[in-house]
C-alpha atoms as a PDB file:
ATOM      1  CA  MET A   1      14.253  81.558-119.186  1.00  0.00           C
ATOM      2  CA  LEU A   2      16.164  80.367-122.220  1.00  0.00           C
ATOM      3  CA  THR A   3      17.319  76.746-122.132  1.00  0.00           C
ATOM      4  CA  ARG A   4      20.553  75.291-123.494  1.00  0.00           C
ATOM      5  CA  SER A   5      18.586  73.363-126.117  1.00  0.00           C
ATOM      6  CA  ALA A   6      16.722  76.476-127.292  1.00  0.00           C
ATOM      7  CA  LEU A   7      19.902  78.561-127.363  1.00  0.00           C
ATOM      8  CA  LEU A   8      21.756  75.969-129.429  1.00  0.00           C
ATOM      9  CA  PHE A   9      18.775  75.660-131.781  1.00  0.00           C
ATOM     10  CA  GLU A  10      18.635  79.451-132.243  1.00  0.00           C
ATOM     11  CA  ASN A  11      22.289  79.343-133.257  1.00  0.00           C
ATOM     12  CA  GLY A  12      21.910  76.445-135.707  1.00  0.00           C
ATOM     13  CA  LEU A  13      23.538  73.784-133.519  1.00  0.00           C
ATOM     14  CA  PRO A  14      22.183  70.427-132.390  1.00  0.00           C
ATOM     15  CA  ASP A  15      21.781  69.708-128.682  1.00  0.00           C
ATOM     16  CA  ILE A  16      24.306  66.869-128.694  1.00  0.00           C
ATOM     17  CA  PRO A  17      27.769  66.872-127.116  1.00  0.00           C
ATOM     18  CA  ALA A  18      30.440  68.494-129.253  1.00  0.00           C
ATOM     19  CA  LEU A  19      33.625  66.459-129.391  1.00  0.00           C
ATOM     20  CA  LEU A  20      35.672  69.546-130.133  1.00  0.00           C
ATOM     21  CA  VAL A  21      35.134  73.297-130.165  1.00  0.00           C
ATOM     22  CA  GLU A  22      37.984  75.065-131.936  1.00  0.00           C
ATOM     23  CA  ALA A  23      39.102  78.055-133.941  1.00  0.00           C
ATOM     24  CA  HIS A  24      38.919  77.372-137.671  1.00  0.00           C
ATOM     25  CA  ARG A  25      39.909  79.533-140.623  1.00  0.00           C
ATOM     26  CA  ASN A  26      37.534  79.311-143.558  1.00  0.00           C
ATOM     27  CA  PRO A  27      38.737  79.372-147.192  1.00  0.00           C
ATOM     28  CA  GLY A  28      38.239  83.150-147.222  1.00  0.00           C
ATOM     29  CA  GLY A  29      40.731  83.574-144.383  1.00  0.00           C
ATOM     30  CA  ILE A  30      38.134  84.470-141.736  1.00  0.00           C
ATOM     31  CA  TRP A  31      38.499  82.855-138.323  1.00  0.00           C
ATOM     32  CA  ARG A  32      35.339  81.095-137.155  1.00  0.00           C
ATOM     33  CA  ILE A  33      34.415  78.749-134.324  1.00  0.00           C
ATOM     34  CA  LYS A  34      33.914  75.125-135.389  1.00  0.00           C
ATOM     35  CA  PHE A  35      31.868  72.551-133.484  1.00  0.00           C
ATOM     36  CA  SER A  36      32.751  68.928-134.313  1.00  0.00           C
ATOM     37  CA  TYR A  37      30.369  66.064-133.542  1.00  0.00           C
ATOM     38  CA  GLU A  38      30.758  62.295-133.543  1.00  0.00           C
ATOM     39  CA  ALA A  39      27.668  61.484-135.591  1.00  0.00           C
ATOM     40  CA  SER A  40      27.322  64.524-137.857  1.00  0.00           C
ATOM     41  CA  GLU A  41      29.260  66.992-139.941  1.00  0.00           C
ATOM     42  CA  PRO A  42      31.067  69.840-138.182  1.00  0.00           C
ATOM     43  CA  LEU A  43      29.284  73.183-138.018  1.00  0.00           C
ATOM     44  CA  SER A  44      30.796  76.625-137.643  1.00  0.00           C
ATOM     45  CA  MET A  45      29.746  80.149-136.795  1.00  0.00           C
ATOM     46  CA  SER A  46      31.271  83.592-136.793  1.00  0.00           C
ATOM     47  CA  ALA A  47      33.292  84.687-133.793  1.00  0.00           C
ATOM     48  CA  VAL A  48      30.722  87.414-133.083  1.00  0.00           C
ATOM     49  CA  GLN A  49      27.870  84.892-133.009  1.00  0.00           C
ATOM     50  CA  ALA A  50      29.915  82.478-130.882  1.00  0.00           C
ATOM     51  CA  SER A  51      30.790  85.233-128.423  1.00  0.00           C
ATOM     52  CA  ALA A  52      27.135  86.175-127.971  1.00  0.00           C
ATOM     53  CA  MET A  53      26.183  82.532-127.539  1.00  0.00           C
ATOM     54  CA  ALA A  54      28.947  81.986-124.947  1.00  0.00           C
ATOM     55  CA  ALA A  55      27.700  84.987-122.960  1.00  0.00           C
ATOM     56  CA  ALA A  56      24.158  83.591-123.013  1.00  0.00           C
ATOM     57  CA  LEU A  57      25.455  80.157-121.963  1.00  0.00           C
ATOM     58  CA  HIS A  58      27.253  81.752-119.013  1.00  0.00           C
ATOM     59  CA  GLU A  59      23.993  83.480-118.013  1.00  0.00           C
ATOM     60  CA  ILE A  60      22.076  80.186-117.889  1.00  0.00           C
ATOM     61  CA  GLY A  61      24.806  78.343-115.992  1.00  0.00           C
ATOM     62  CA  GLU A  62      26.268  76.322-118.874  1.00  0.00           C
ATOM     63  CA  ALA A  63      29.840  77.183-117.891  1.00  0.00           C
ATOM     64  CA  GLU A  64      31.555  74.151-119.432  1.00  0.00           C
ATOM     65  CA  LEU A  65      30.406  74.739-123.010  1.00  0.00           C
ATOM     66  CA  ALA A  66      30.727  78.500-122.591  1.00  0.00           C
ATOM     67  CA  GLY A  67      34.327  78.022-121.450  1.00  0.00           C
ATOM     68  CA  GLU A  68      35.152  75.844-124.459  1.00  0.00           C
ATOM     69  CA  ILE A  69      33.765  78.527-126.763  1.00  0.00           C
ATOM     70  CA  ASP A  70      35.658  81.247-124.888  1.00  0.00           C
ATOM     71  CA  ASP A  71      38.906  79.273-125.303  1.00  0.00           C
ATOM     72  CA  ALA A  72      38.267  78.848-129.035  1.00  0.00           C
ATOM     73  CA  LEU A  73      37.539  82.578-129.357  1.00  0.00           C
ATOM     74  CA  LYS A  74      40.825  83.431-127.628  1.00  0.00           C
ATOM     75  CA  ALA A  75      42.687  81.089-129.978  1.00  0.00           C
ATOM     76  CA  ALA A  76      40.978  82.660-133.022  1.00  0.00           C
ATOM     77  CA  ALA A  77      41.938  86.144-131.833  1.00  0.00           C
ATOM     78  CA  ARG A  78      45.520  85.043-131.234  1.00  0.00           C
ATOM     79  CA  TYR A  79      45.805  83.342-134.641  1.00  0.00           C
ATOM     80  CA  SER A  80      44.288  86.299-136.486  1.00  0.00           C
ATOM     81  CA  SER A  81      46.865  88.642-134.955  1.00  0.00           C
ATOM     82  CA  MET A  82      49.787  86.578-136.275  1.00  0.00           C
END
């Protein structure tokens, strides 16, 4: 079974608490999901990658982080439709 730590590592994220998970538009105008941390630089990933990671987090019972990602994905979809 995949662990939270392994899943985050596979997706290029550290296994430390994210202060904020939010929709973020890059300079090219593409909406991405940004993970902000207290002790390191923010990291971002595509909405497609974030969606797949959220689904995997739900499968392993990591509902809190998965829900934060889901909320950010909804915001990104809403902002991109404006």
